[in-house]
Amino acid sequence: MATITLTFDNGPEPDVTPHVLDTLRRHDLKATFFVLGRKLVEHRALAERAHGEGHWIGNHTFNHAVPLGLMTGPGAADEIARTEALIGDLAHERRFFRPYGGGGLLDRRLLNGEARDHLAAHGYTMVLWNAIPEDWRDPEGWVARAIEQCFAQEETLIVLHDLPTGAMKHLDRFIVAAKDRGVAFQQDFPASCLPMIKGRVVLPIDNYVSEAAA
C-alpha cells in the first residue's frame, strides 16, 4: 500500500495555518510543520496549537532568504540556531531540520559546510522530500500533480506550504482523493528522505553540500 507523509513549509501564517490544522483534525491526520523563525516571533501560538494537536514542529531556517549552500560568508549556523531557540520546547527529540531548496531542488544549494557541521554537532535530523507539487506556483492545479507524484512511488514525503496563496483551500480535496485511491497516511518519514539522523550521516550527503564549503 502506498503511503504519504504530509509536511508543510514556510509558516506559521495566521490566515492559513488554522485552516490546515482544522482540515487535518477533521481527517484525523498528523503532519510536520517546518517553520520559519522570523514568523515564530509573532505567530508562535500557531506552532503551539499544532504541537498540542500532535503535529511535529521542524526548523526551516530563520529568514528563508538564500539557500544555505549559496551563502558565501558566515551565518548559516545562526539561521538554524535562532529558529531552534524560538521553537524551544516544541521541538521533537529528533530535532527536525529541513533546508531551503530554492523551488524544491535537491542539490548542492541545500547546505554549506558550516550548516552541515552545525547540524551534525547539535544532533539534528535532516528531512528532505520526494514530492513537490508546486502548490505555491499553481494554487489551483497542484492537486492533480500531487496525486500523480504520490502514486508514482511506494513512499511519498510531500512538501506543501501553509502560505496565503489560496492553495490550501484544496487540501481537503487532495486528502479525499488520496484516501479514495487507498493510500495510507503516516506521520513518520521514509528512511530514504533522511540523510542525517540525530547528527549522524546515514545516507550520502555530499550532493547536498556546496563544493566550495565541502
Protein backbone atom coordinates (compact mmCIF):
# COMPACT_ATOMS: atom_id res chain seq x y z
CA MET A 1 0.00 0.00 0.00
CA ALA A 2 1.28 3.46 -0.91
CA THR A 3 1.99 5.82 1.98
CA ILE A 4 2.04 9.62 2.15
CA THR A 5 3.74 11.76 4.77
CA LEU A 6 2.39 15.32 4.85
CA THR A 7 4.70 18.23 5.58
CA PHE A 8 4.07 21.97 5.44
CA ASP A 9 6.77 24.62 4.96
CA ASN A 10 7.19 28.35 5.48
CA GLY A 11 4.55 29.05 8.14
CA PRO A 12 3.05 29.67 10.50
CA GLU A 13 0.56 32.01 8.83
CA PRO A 14 -2.47 33.26 10.76
CA ASP A 15 -4.71 33.26 7.69
CA VAL A 16 -3.78 29.74 6.55
CA THR A 17 -2.29 27.54 9.26
CA PRO A 18 -5.52 27.32 11.30
CA HIS A 19 -7.40 26.11 8.20
CA VAL A 20 -4.72 23.49 7.57
CA LEU A 21 -4.92 22.33 11.19
CA ASP A 22 -8.71 22.18 11.04
CA THR A 23 -8.54 20.09 7.86
CA LEU A 24 -6.00 17.68 9.32
CA ARG A 25 -8.04 17.31 12.51
CA ARG A 26 -11.17 16.56 10.50
CA HIS A 27 -9.35 13.72 8.75
CA ASP A 28 -7.51 12.61 11.92
CA LEU A 29 -4.13 13.07 10.25
CA LYS A 30 -0.81 14.13 11.75
CA ALA A 31 1.82 16.12 9.83
CA THR A 32 5.05 18.05 10.36
CA PHE A 33 5.28 21.84 10.10
CA PHE A 34 8.69 23.20 9.12
CA VAL A 35 8.53 26.73 10.45
CA LEU A 36 10.44 29.94 9.80
CA GLY A 37 12.00 31.63 12.78
CA ARG A 38 11.01 35.13 11.68
CA LYS A 39 7.34 34.05 11.64
CA LEU A 40 7.54 32.34 15.00
CA VAL A 41 8.42 35.69 16.56
CA GLU A 42 4.81 36.82 16.04
CA HIS A 43 2.90 33.59 15.50
CA ARG A 44 4.37 31.02 17.87
CA ALA A 45 0.90 30.35 19.26
CA LEU A 46 0.02 28.65 15.97
CA ALA A 47 3.01 26.33 16.32
CA GLU A 48 1.92 25.68 19.90
CA ARG A 49 -1.53 24.71 18.66
CA ALA A 50 -0.07 22.39 16.03
CA HIS A 51 2.20 20.75 18.60
CA GLY A 52 -0.68 20.38 21.02
CA GLU A 53 -2.72 18.59 18.37
CA GLY A 54 0.00 16.02 17.80
CA HIS A 55 1.85 17.51 14.85
CA TRP A 56 5.63 17.73 14.79
CA ILE A 57 7.47 21.04 14.55
CA GLY A 58 10.63 21.30 12.46
CA ASN A 59 13.18 24.01 11.70
CA HIS A 60 13.22 25.61 8.22
CA THR A 61 15.76 28.40 8.90
CA PHE A 62 15.08 31.89 10.21
CA ASN A 63 14.76 34.03 7.09
CA HIS A 64 14.33 31.56 4.17
CA ALA A 65 16.02 34.19 2.01
CA VAL A 66 19.00 32.39 0.48
CA PRO A 67 19.61 28.62 0.29
CA LEU A 68 22.33 27.87 2.82
CA GLY A 69 24.55 26.34 0.16
CA LEU A 70 24.68 29.72 -1.61
CA MET A 71 25.76 31.64 1.47
CA THR A 72 29.37 32.75 1.00
CA GLY A 73 30.02 34.14 4.47
CA PRO A 74 29.20 33.02 7.98
CA GLY A 75 25.60 32.91 9.08
CA ALA A 76 24.23 29.51 8.12
CA ALA A 77 24.53 28.14 11.63
CA ASP A 78 22.80 31.24 13.00
CA GLU A 79 19.88 30.72 10.60
CA ILE A 80 19.36 27.31 12.15
CA ALA A 81 20.17 28.10 15.78
CA ARG A 82 17.97 31.22 16.04
CA THR A 83 14.97 29.30 14.80
CA GLU A 84 15.64 26.33 17.07
CA ALA A 85 15.78 28.66 20.06
CA LEU A 86 12.34 30.01 19.15
CA ILE A 87 10.94 26.51 18.64
CA GLY A 88 12.18 25.67 22.12
CA ASP A 89 10.15 23.02 23.90
CA LEU A 90 8.02 22.41 20.80
CA ALA A 91 10.93 20.59 19.16
CA HIS A 92 10.79 16.86 18.55
CA GLU A 93 13.51 14.89 20.29
CA ARG A 94 14.99 14.08 16.86
CA ARG A 95 15.37 17.83 16.14
CA PHE A 96 14.00 18.01 12.61
CA PHE A 97 15.59 20.39 10.12
CA ARG A 98 14.63 20.97 6.51
CA PRO A 99 16.89 23.08 4.28
CA TYR A 100 15.57 25.61 1.80
CA GLY A 101 15.74 24.04 -1.66
CA GLY A 102 15.01 27.01 -3.90
CA GLY A 103 11.97 25.60 -5.68
CA GLY A 104 12.31 22.14 -4.24
CA LEU A 105 15.58 21.19 -5.91
CA LEU A 106 17.74 18.59 -4.20
CA ASP A 107 21.27 19.74 -4.98
CA ARG A 108 24.32 21.46 -3.50
CA ARG A 109 22.33 24.60 -2.75
CA LEU A 110 20.84 22.94 0.34
CA LEU A 111 23.81 23.27 2.69
CA ASN A 112 27.25 24.74 3.06
CA GLY A 113 29.95 23.28 5.27
CA GLU A 114 29.03 25.50 8.20
CA ALA A 115 25.42 24.31 8.11
CA ARG A 116 26.38 20.66 7.71
CA ASP A 117 28.77 20.82 10.65
CA HIS A 118 26.24 22.63 12.84
CA LEU A 119 23.56 20.02 12.12
CA ALA A 120 25.99 17.22 12.98
CA ALA A 121 27.31 18.87 16.13
CA HIS A 122 23.85 19.62 17.51
CA GLY A 123 22.17 16.33 16.71
CA TYR A 124 19.71 17.35 14.01
CA THR A 125 17.73 15.05 11.75
CA MET A 126 17.73 16.39 8.19
CA VAL A 127 14.39 15.86 6.45
CA LEU A 128 14.27 16.06 2.65
CA TRP A 129 11.40 15.15 0.30
CA ASN A 130 10.46 13.25 -2.85
CA ALA A 131 7.31 15.06 -4.00
CA ILE A 132 6.97 18.76 -4.82
CA PRO A 133 3.63 19.56 -6.47
CA GLU A 134 4.49 23.30 -6.56
CA ASP A 135 1.37 24.45 -4.77
CA TRP A 136 2.95 27.90 -4.32
CA ARG A 137 3.23 28.31 -8.10
CA ASP A 138 -0.08 26.72 -9.08
CA PRO A 139 -2.56 27.19 -6.23
CA GLU A 140 -5.50 25.85 -8.27
CA GLY A 141 -3.89 22.97 -10.15
CA TRP A 142 -1.47 21.38 -7.71
CA VAL A 143 -3.78 18.58 -6.51
CA ALA A 144 -3.68 16.57 -9.74
CA ARG A 145 0.11 16.88 -9.86
CA ALA A 146 0.37 15.82 -6.21
CA ILE A 147 -1.75 12.72 -6.79
CA GLU A 148 0.37 11.77 -9.80
CA GLN A 149 3.61 12.17 -7.85
CA CYS A 150 2.34 10.30 -4.82
CA PHE A 151 1.16 7.26 -6.76
CA ALA A 152 4.34 7.02 -8.81
CA GLN A 153 6.18 5.62 -5.76
CA GLU A 154 5.51 3.50 -2.72
CA GLU A 155 6.54 6.03 -0.07
CA THR A 156 5.95 9.75 -0.53
CA LEU A 157 7.15 12.63 1.59
CA ILE A 158 5.30 15.59 0.13
CA VAL A 159 6.04 19.28 0.64
CA LEU A 160 3.10 21.66 0.79
CA HIS A 161 3.05 25.25 2.03
CA ASP A 162 0.77 26.88 4.57
CA LEU A 163 1.11 30.20 2.78
CA PRO A 164 -1.62 32.70 1.75
CA THR A 165 -1.70 31.66 -1.91
CA GLY A 166 -5.11 30.00 -1.82
CA ALA A 167 -3.58 26.57 -2.43
CA MET A 168 -4.55 25.09 0.92
CA LYS A 169 -8.27 25.55 0.29
CA HIS A 170 -7.76 22.43 -1.86
CA LEU A 171 -6.05 20.41 0.88
CA ASP A 172 -9.25 18.58 1.76
CA ARG A 173 -9.76 17.63 -1.89
CA PHE A 174 -6.23 16.22 -2.08
CA ILE A 175 -6.65 14.16 1.09
CA VAL A 176 -10.01 12.77 -0.03
CA ALA A 177 -8.67 11.88 -3.48
CA ALA A 178 -5.66 10.11 -1.97
CA LYS A 179 -7.81 8.20 0.52
CA ASP A 180 -10.22 7.18 -2.24
CA ARG A 181 -7.28 5.57 -4.05
CA GLY A 182 -6.35 3.56 -0.99
CA VAL A 183 -3.38 5.49 0.35
CA ALA A 184 -2.26 5.22 3.97
CA PHE A 185 -1.18 8.49 5.59
CA GLN A 186 1.63 8.29 8.15
CA GLN A 187 3.42 10.91 10.20
CA ASP A 188 6.91 9.44 10.18
CA PHE A 189 9.27 9.97 7.28
CA PRO A 190 10.52 7.49 4.68
CA ALA A 191 14.09 6.48 5.53
CA SER A 192 15.18 7.45 2.01
CA CYS A 193 14.47 11.11 2.84
CA LEU A 194 16.63 11.23 6.00
CA PRO A 195 20.33 11.57 5.11
CA MET A 196 21.19 12.62 8.67
CA ILE A 197 19.59 11.28 11.86
CA LYS A 198 20.38 12.87 15.22
CA GLY A 199 23.57 14.34 13.78
CA ARG A 200 24.80 11.12 12.22
CA VAL A 201 25.11 10.87 8.44
CA VAL A 202 23.29 7.70 7.36
CA LEU A 203 22.92 8.33 3.61
CA PRO A 204 25.26 10.08 1.15
CA ILE A 205 25.13 13.81 1.82
CA ASP A 206 27.88 15.30 -0.35
CA ASN A 207 25.47 16.09 -3.17
CA TYR A 208 23.62 18.44 -0.81
CA VAL A 209 26.67 20.43 0.32
CA SER A 210 28.14 23.23 -1.79
CA GLU A 211 31.51 22.29 -3.27
CA ALA A 212 33.21 25.43 -2.04
CA ALA A 213 32.37 24.51 1.54
CA ALA A 214 32.52 20.73 1.40
